[in-house]
Amino acid sequence: MSLFSIFDVSSSAMAAQTLRLNATASNMANADSVATKPEDAYKAREPVFSQVLEQNGGGVGVRTLGITQSNAPNPALYQPGNPLANKEGYVYASNVNPVEEMVNMLSASRSYQTNVQVMDTAKNLALRTLQLGQ
């Protein structure tokens, strides 16, 4: 693996963590949403990643396979005064767990920051290598 392929690896990881942060932001934004039916209620989303390994020793990195929805049940809340309440007075909340989302956000942020540092270190190594010939 060449020094320059480090930039490809880190950039793919940064793109993956950006997607993860966007999914977390969407989940947090919809954490307090409600719906009339459980199938209409917001379901937490999470991206699925896979590693990429090239046969010729070239690039490696991260690939996004897709975004999945949580299978956790949407809790029924008794709110007869809510305009979205069904005949029995229930609304269905999203299945987003704010604590898990905060942990996801911190983890994605740290991973992104680490990859920025990797790219900065690789850049400095490349510049020092060029300076050796002077």
N, C-alpha and C. Protein backbone atom coordinates (compact mmCIF):
# COMPACT_ATOMS: atom_id res chain seq x y z
N MET A 1 0.85 -1.16 0.00
CA MET A 1 0.00 0.00 0.00
C MET A 1 0.90 1.23 0.00
N SER A 2 0.60 2.16 -0.90
CA SER A 2 1.41 3.37 -0.99
C SER A 2 0.95 4.38 0.04
N LEU A 3 1.78 5.36 0.24
CA LEU A 3 1.46 6.42 1.18
C LEU A 3 0.20 7.17 0.75
N PHE A 4 0.01 7.30 -0.56
CA PHE A 4 -1.14 8.06 -1.05
C PHE A 4 -2.46 7.32 -0.92
N SER A 5 -2.42 5.98 -0.84
CA SER A 5 -3.68 5.25 -0.66
C SER A 5 -4.24 5.46 0.75
N ILE A 6 -3.40 5.93 1.66
CA ILE A 6 -3.90 6.25 3.01
C ILE A 6 -4.98 7.31 2.92
N PHE A 7 -4.82 8.24 1.98
CA PHE A 7 -5.83 9.30 1.81
C PHE A 7 -7.16 8.71 1.35
N ASP A 8 -7.10 7.70 0.48
CA ASP A 8 -8.34 7.04 0.02
C ASP A 8 -9.04 6.31 1.17
N VAL A 9 -8.24 5.62 1.99
CA VAL A 9 -8.81 4.88 3.12
C VAL A 9 -9.46 5.84 4.10
N SER A 10 -8.73 6.87 4.48
CA SER A 10 -9.27 7.83 5.46
C SER A 10 -10.46 8.59 4.91
N SER A 11 -10.42 8.94 3.64
CA SER A 11 -11.56 9.69 3.08
C SER A 11 -12.81 8.81 3.02
N SER A 12 -12.66 7.51 2.72
CA SER A 12 -13.84 6.64 2.72
C SER A 12 -14.38 6.47 4.13
N ALA A 13 -13.48 6.41 5.12
CA ALA A 13 -13.92 6.31 6.51
C ALA A 13 -14.61 7.60 6.96
N MET A 14 -14.10 8.73 6.53
CA MET A 14 -14.72 10.01 6.88
C MET A 14 -16.10 10.14 6.24
N ALA A 15 -16.24 9.68 5.01
CA ALA A 15 -17.55 9.71 4.35
C ALA A 15 -18.54 8.81 5.08
N ALA A 16 -18.07 7.64 5.53
CA ALA A 16 -18.94 6.72 6.27
C ALA A 16 -19.38 7.34 7.60
N GLN A 17 -18.46 7.98 8.30
CA GLN A 17 -18.81 8.59 9.58
C GLN A 17 -19.73 9.80 9.38
N THR A 18 -19.58 10.50 8.27
CA THR A 18 -20.49 11.60 7.96
C THR A 18 -21.90 11.07 7.76
N LEU A 19 -22.04 9.97 7.04
CA LEU A 19 -23.35 9.34 6.85
C LEU A 19 -23.93 8.89 8.19
N ARG A 20 -23.09 8.34 9.03
CA ARG A 20 -23.53 7.90 10.36
C ARG A 20 -24.02 9.09 11.19
N LEU A 21 -23.29 10.21 11.13
CA LEU A 21 -23.71 11.41 11.85
C LEU A 21 -25.03 11.95 11.31
N ASN A 22 -25.20 11.91 9.99
CA ASN A 22 -26.46 12.37 9.39
C ASN A 22 -27.64 11.50 9.82
N ALA A 23 -27.43 10.19 9.87
CA ALA A 23 -28.50 9.28 10.32
C ALA A 23 -28.83 9.55 11.78
N THR A 24 -27.82 9.78 12.60
CA THR A 24 -28.04 10.08 14.01
C THR A 24 -28.79 11.39 14.17
N ALA A 25 -28.42 12.40 13.38
CA ALA A 25 -29.12 13.68 13.45
C ALA A 25 -30.59 13.52 13.05
N SER A 26 -30.85 12.72 12.04
CA SER A 26 -32.23 12.47 11.61
C SER A 26 -33.01 11.75 12.71
N ASN A 27 -32.37 10.77 13.34
CA ASN A 27 -33.03 10.05 14.43
C ASN A 27 -33.35 10.98 15.59
N MET A 28 -32.39 11.82 15.97
CA MET A 28 -32.61 12.74 17.09
C MET A 28 -33.69 13.76 16.76
N ALA A 29 -33.74 14.21 15.51
CA ALA A 29 -34.76 15.18 15.11
C ALA A 29 -36.16 14.58 15.18
N ASN A 30 -36.27 13.29 14.99
CA ASN A 30 -37.58 12.63 14.99
C ASN A 30 -37.87 11.86 16.28
N ALA A 31 -37.04 12.03 17.29
CA ALA A 31 -37.18 11.27 18.53
C ALA A 31 -38.52 11.52 19.21
N ASP A 32 -39.06 12.71 19.11
CA ASP A 32 -40.31 13.04 19.79
C ASP A 32 -41.52 13.05 18.86
N SER A 33 -41.37 12.55 17.66
CA SER A 33 -42.50 12.55 16.72
C SER A 33 -43.48 11.42 17.08
N VAL A 34 -44.73 11.63 16.73
CA VAL A 34 -45.77 10.63 16.99
C VAL A 34 -46.60 10.44 15.73
N ALA A 35 -47.33 9.33 15.70
CA ALA A 35 -48.19 9.02 14.56
C ALA A 35 -49.45 8.32 15.06
N THR A 36 -50.44 8.24 14.20
CA THR A 36 -51.71 7.61 14.54
C THR A 36 -51.60 6.09 14.59
N LYS A 37 -50.82 5.52 13.66
CA LYS A 37 -50.66 4.07 13.56
C LYS A 37 -49.19 3.70 13.79
N PRO A 38 -48.93 2.53 14.35
CA PRO A 38 -47.53 2.13 14.60
C PRO A 38 -46.70 2.02 13.32
N GLU A 39 -47.33 1.62 12.22
CA GLU A 39 -46.57 1.49 10.97
C GLU A 39 -46.19 2.85 10.37
N ASP A 40 -46.89 3.92 10.80
CA ASP A 40 -46.56 5.26 10.33
C ASP A 40 -45.56 5.98 11.22
N ALA A 41 -45.30 5.44 12.40
CA ALA A 41 -44.38 6.09 13.34
C ALA A 41 -42.94 5.97 12.83
N TYR A 42 -42.13 6.96 13.20
CA TYR A 42 -40.74 6.99 12.75
C TYR A 42 -39.97 5.81 13.34
N LYS A 43 -39.17 5.18 12.51
CA LYS A 43 -38.31 4.07 12.93
C LYS A 43 -36.86 4.55 12.84
N ALA A 44 -36.10 4.29 13.89
CA ALA A 44 -34.70 4.69 13.92
C ALA A 44 -33.94 4.06 12.76
N ARG A 45 -33.03 4.83 12.17
CA ARG A 45 -32.24 4.36 11.02
C ARG A 45 -30.77 4.28 11.41
N GLU A 46 -30.09 3.29 10.84
CA GLU A 46 -28.67 3.13 11.09
C GLU A 46 -27.98 2.60 9.83
N PRO A 47 -26.88 3.23 9.43
CA PRO A 47 -26.17 2.74 8.25
C PRO A 47 -25.43 1.44 8.53
N VAL A 48 -25.25 0.65 7.49
CA VAL A 48 -24.51 -0.61 7.58
C VAL A 48 -23.27 -0.47 6.71
N PHE A 49 -22.11 -0.75 7.30
CA PHE A 49 -20.83 -0.59 6.60
C PHE A 49 -20.16 -1.93 6.39
N SER A 50 -19.28 -1.96 5.40
CA SER A 50 -18.49 -3.15 5.10
C SER A 50 -17.07 -2.70 4.76
N GLN A 51 -16.13 -3.58 5.01
CA GLN A 51 -14.76 -3.26 4.63
C GLN A 51 -14.54 -3.54 3.15
N VAL A 52 -13.60 -2.82 2.57
CA VAL A 52 -13.24 -3.02 1.17
C VAL A 52 -11.77 -3.42 1.14
N LEU A 53 -11.49 -4.58 0.57
CA LEU A 53 -10.12 -5.05 0.40
C LEU A 53 -9.91 -5.39 -1.06
N GLU A 54 -8.96 -4.74 -1.69
CA GLU A 54 -8.67 -4.99 -3.11
C GLU A 54 -7.67 -6.15 -3.23
N GLN A 55 -7.85 -6.98 -4.23
CA GLN A 55 -7.00 -8.14 -4.43
C GLN A 55 -5.56 -7.76 -4.80
N ASN A 56 -5.39 -6.68 -5.55
CA ASN A 56 -4.06 -6.33 -6.04
C ASN A 56 -3.23 -5.55 -5.03
N GLY A 57 -3.69 -5.49 -3.79
CA GLY A 57 -2.94 -4.76 -2.77
C GLY A 57 -3.14 -3.26 -2.85
N GLY A 58 -4.07 -2.82 -3.69
CA GLY A 58 -4.32 -1.39 -3.85
C GLY A 58 -5.05 -0.81 -2.67
N GLY A 59 -6.25 -0.37 -2.91
CA GLY A 59 -6.97 0.36 -1.88
C GLY A 59 -7.77 -0.52 -0.95
N VAL A 60 -7.94 -0.02 0.20
CA VAL A 60 -8.85 -0.59 1.19
C VAL A 60 -9.69 0.57 1.69
N GLY A 61 -10.74 0.26 2.41
CA GLY A 61 -11.55 1.35 2.92
C GLY A 61 -12.88 0.85 3.45
N VAL A 62 -13.86 1.73 3.40
CA VAL A 62 -15.18 1.46 3.94
C VAL A 62 -16.21 1.65 2.84
N ARG A 63 -17.16 0.73 2.76
CA ARG A 63 -18.26 0.83 1.80
C ARG A 63 -19.57 0.82 2.59
N THR A 64 -20.50 1.64 2.15
CA THR A 64 -21.82 1.67 2.76
C THR A 64 -22.71 0.67 2.03
N LEU A 65 -23.24 -0.29 2.77
CA LEU A 65 -24.11 -1.30 2.17
C LEU A 65 -25.56 -0.84 2.12
N GLY A 66 -25.93 0.07 2.99
CA GLY A 66 -27.30 0.56 3.01
C GLY A 66 -27.64 1.12 4.38
N ILE A 67 -28.91 1.47 4.52
CA ILE A 67 -29.40 2.00 5.79
C ILE A 67 -30.56 1.12 6.23
N THR A 68 -30.47 0.62 7.45
CA THR A 68 -31.51 -0.25 7.99
C THR A 68 -32.41 0.52 8.95
N GLN A 69 -33.61 0.00 9.15
CA GLN A 69 -34.53 0.56 10.13
C GLN A 69 -34.60 -0.37 11.33
N SER A 70 -34.75 0.22 12.49
CA SER A 70 -34.85 -0.55 13.73
C SER A 70 -36.13 -1.39 13.73
N ASN A 71 -36.02 -2.58 14.30
CA ASN A 71 -37.18 -3.46 14.44
C ASN A 71 -37.85 -3.31 15.80
N ALA A 72 -37.32 -2.43 16.65
CA ALA A 72 -37.90 -2.24 17.97
C ALA A 72 -39.33 -1.71 17.83
N PRO A 73 -40.21 -2.14 18.73
CA PRO A 73 -41.60 -1.67 18.62
C PRO A 73 -41.72 -0.18 18.94
N ASN A 74 -42.69 0.45 18.31
CA ASN A 74 -42.98 1.84 18.61
C ASN A 74 -43.92 1.88 19.80
N PRO A 75 -43.53 2.59 20.86
CA PRO A 75 -44.37 2.60 22.06
C PRO A 75 -45.68 3.35 21.85
N ALA A 76 -46.75 2.80 22.42
CA ALA A 76 -48.06 3.45 22.37
C ALA A 76 -48.18 4.36 23.59
N LEU A 77 -48.56 5.59 23.36
CA LEU A 77 -48.71 6.57 24.44
C LEU A 77 -50.18 7.00 24.50
N TYR A 78 -50.72 7.00 25.70
CA TYR A 78 -52.11 7.42 25.87
C TYR A 78 -52.14 8.94 25.96
N GLN A 79 -52.62 9.58 24.89
CA GLN A 79 -52.73 11.03 24.80
C GLN A 79 -54.04 11.37 24.09
N PRO A 80 -55.17 11.25 24.80
CA PRO A 80 -56.46 11.46 24.13
C PRO A 80 -56.65 12.88 23.59
N GLY A 81 -55.92 13.86 24.11
CA GLY A 81 -56.05 15.22 23.62
C GLY A 81 -55.22 15.51 22.39
N ASN A 82 -54.35 14.60 22.00
CA ASN A 82 -53.49 14.81 20.83
C ASN A 82 -54.33 14.68 19.56
N PRO A 83 -54.18 15.62 18.62
CA PRO A 83 -54.97 15.53 17.38
C PRO A 83 -54.67 14.28 16.55
N LEU A 84 -53.52 13.66 16.77
CA LEU A 84 -53.17 12.44 16.03
C LEU A 84 -53.64 11.17 16.73
N ALA A 85 -54.27 11.30 17.90
CA ALA A 85 -54.69 10.13 18.66
C ALA A 85 -55.74 9.33 17.88
N ASN A 86 -55.66 8.00 18.02
CA ASN A 86 -56.66 7.15 17.37
C ASN A 86 -57.94 7.13 18.22
N LYS A 87 -58.88 6.29 17.86
CA LYS A 87 -60.18 6.25 18.55
C LYS A 87 -60.04 5.92 20.04
N GLU A 88 -59.05 5.12 20.37
CA GLU A 88 -58.83 4.74 21.77
C GLU A 88 -58.02 5.78 22.55
N GLY A 89 -57.51 6.82 21.86
CA GLY A 89 -56.75 7.88 22.51
C GLY A 89 -55.25 7.66 22.52
N TYR A 90 -54.76 6.72 21.71
CA TYR A 90 -53.33 6.41 21.68
C TYR A 90 -52.64 7.02 20.46
N VAL A 91 -51.41 7.43 20.67
CA VAL A 91 -50.50 7.79 19.58
C VAL A 91 -49.29 6.88 19.69
N TYR A 92 -48.58 6.74 18.61
CA TYR A 92 -47.42 5.86 18.59
C TYR A 92 -46.16 6.70 18.39
N ALA A 93 -45.25 6.59 19.35
CA ALA A 93 -44.02 7.38 19.34
C ALA A 93 -42.96 6.68 18.50
N SER A 94 -41.91 7.41 18.18
CA SER A 94 -40.79 6.81 17.46
C SER A 94 -40.06 5.84 18.38
N ASN A 95 -39.32 4.93 17.79
CA ASN A 95 -38.57 3.97 18.58
C ASN A 95 -37.10 4.39 18.76
N VAL A 96 -36.84 5.69 18.67
CA VAL A 96 -35.48 6.22 18.82
C VAL A 96 -35.11 6.24 20.30
N ASN A 97 -33.93 5.70 20.62
CA ASN A 97 -33.40 5.76 21.97
C ASN A 97 -32.37 6.89 22.01
N PRO A 98 -32.69 8.02 22.64
CA PRO A 98 -31.78 9.17 22.62
C PRO A 98 -30.41 8.89 23.23
N VAL A 99 -30.34 8.00 24.22
CA VAL A 99 -29.05 7.68 24.83
C VAL A 99 -28.16 6.94 23.83
N GLU A 100 -28.72 5.97 23.13
CA GLU A 100 -27.96 5.25 22.10
C GLU A 100 -27.52 6.19 20.99
N GLU A 101 -28.38 7.12 20.63
CA GLU A 101 -28.05 8.06 19.55
C GLU A 101 -26.92 9.00 19.97
N MET A 102 -26.90 9.41 21.22
CA MET A 102 -25.81 10.26 21.70
C MET A 102 -24.48 9.49 21.68
N VAL A 103 -24.52 8.22 22.06
CA VAL A 103 -23.31 7.40 22.01
C VAL A 103 -22.85 7.24 20.57
N ASN A 104 -23.78 7.00 19.65
CA ASN A 104 -23.45 6.91 18.23
C ASN A 104 -22.82 8.20 17.73
N MET A 105 -23.40 9.33 18.15
CA MET A 105 -22.88 10.61 17.71
C MET A 105 -21.46 10.84 18.21
N LEU A 106 -21.20 10.53 19.47
CA LEU A 106 -19.85 10.69 20.02
C LEU A 106 -18.85 9.76 19.33
N SER A 107 -19.26 8.53 19.11
CA SER A 107 -18.37 7.57 18.46
C SER A 107 -18.05 7.98 17.03
N ALA A 108 -19.06 8.39 16.28
CA ALA A 108 -18.84 8.82 14.90
C ALA A 108 -17.97 10.07 14.84
N SER A 109 -18.19 10.98 15.76
CA SER A 109 -17.40 12.21 15.81
C SER A 109 -15.94 11.91 16.10
N ARG A 110 -15.70 11.01 17.05
CA ARG A 110 -14.31 10.62 17.39
C ARG A 110 -13.64 9.90 16.22
N SER A 111 -14.37 9.02 15.57
CA SER A 111 -13.81 8.31 14.42
C SER A 111 -13.46 9.27 13.29
N TYR A 112 -14.34 10.22 13.06
CA TYR A 112 -14.08 11.23 12.02
C TYR A 112 -12.82 12.02 12.37
N GLN A 113 -12.73 12.46 13.62
CA GLN A 113 -11.58 13.23 14.08
C GLN A 113 -10.28 12.43 13.96
N THR A 114 -10.34 11.16 14.28
CA THR A 114 -9.16 10.29 14.17
C THR A 114 -8.70 10.19 12.73
N ASN A 115 -9.63 10.06 11.80
CA ASN A 115 -9.27 9.96 10.39
C ASN A 115 -8.71 11.27 9.85
N VAL A 116 -9.17 12.39 10.37
CA VAL A 116 -8.58 13.68 10.00
C VAL A 116 -7.11 13.71 10.45
N GLN A 117 -6.85 13.22 11.65
CA GLN A 117 -5.48 13.18 12.16
C GLN A 117 -4.61 12.23 11.34
N VAL A 118 -5.16 11.11 10.91
CA VAL A 118 -4.42 10.17 10.06
C VAL A 118 -4.03 10.85 8.76
N MET A 119 -4.97 11.56 8.14
CA MET A 119 -4.68 12.25 6.88
C MET A 119 -3.63 13.35 7.09
N ASP A 120 -3.71 14.05 8.20
CA ASP A 120 -2.73 15.10 8.49
C ASP A 120 -1.34 14.50 8.68
N THR A 121 -1.26 13.39 9.38
CA THR A 121 0.03 12.72 9.58
C THR A 121 0.59 12.22 8.25
N ALA A 122 -0.24 11.63 7.41
CA ALA A 122 0.21 11.15 6.10
C ALA A 122 0.70 12.32 5.24
N LYS A 123 0.01 13.44 5.30
CA LYS A 123 0.43 14.63 4.55
C LYS A 123 1.79 15.10 5.03
N ASN A 124 1.98 15.15 6.35
CA ASN A 124 3.27 15.58 6.89
C ASN A 124 4.39 14.62 6.52
N LEU A 125 4.11 13.33 6.51
CA LEU A 125 5.13 12.34 6.09
C LEU A 125 5.50 12.53 4.62
N ALA A 126 4.51 12.77 3.78
CA ALA A 126 4.78 12.99 2.36
C ALA A 126 5.63 14.25 2.16
N LEU A 127 5.30 15.30 2.88
CA LEU A 127 6.07 16.54 2.76
C LEU A 127 7.50 16.36 3.26
N ARG A 128 7.68 15.63 4.33
CA ARG A 128 9.04 15.36 4.84
C ARG A 128 9.84 14.50 3.86
N THR A 129 9.16 13.56 3.22
CA THR A 129 9.83 12.73 2.22
C THR A 129 10.32 13.58 1.06
N LEU A 130 9.50 14.54 0.62
CA LEU A 130 9.91 15.44 -0.46
C LEU A 130 11.08 16.32 -0.04
N GLN A 131 11.13 16.69 1.22
CA GLN A 131 12.21 17.54 1.71
C GLN A 131 13.53 16.80 1.82
N LEU A 132 13.51 15.47 1.84
CA LEU A 132 14.74 14.68 1.91
C LEU A 132 15.61 14.88 0.68
N GLY A 133 14.98 15.12 -0.45
CA GLY A 133 15.72 15.29 -1.71
C GLY A 133 16.33 16.66 -1.88
N GLN A 134 16.11 17.56 -0.95
CA GLN A 134 16.63 18.92 -1.10
C GLN A 134 18.04 19.04 -0.59
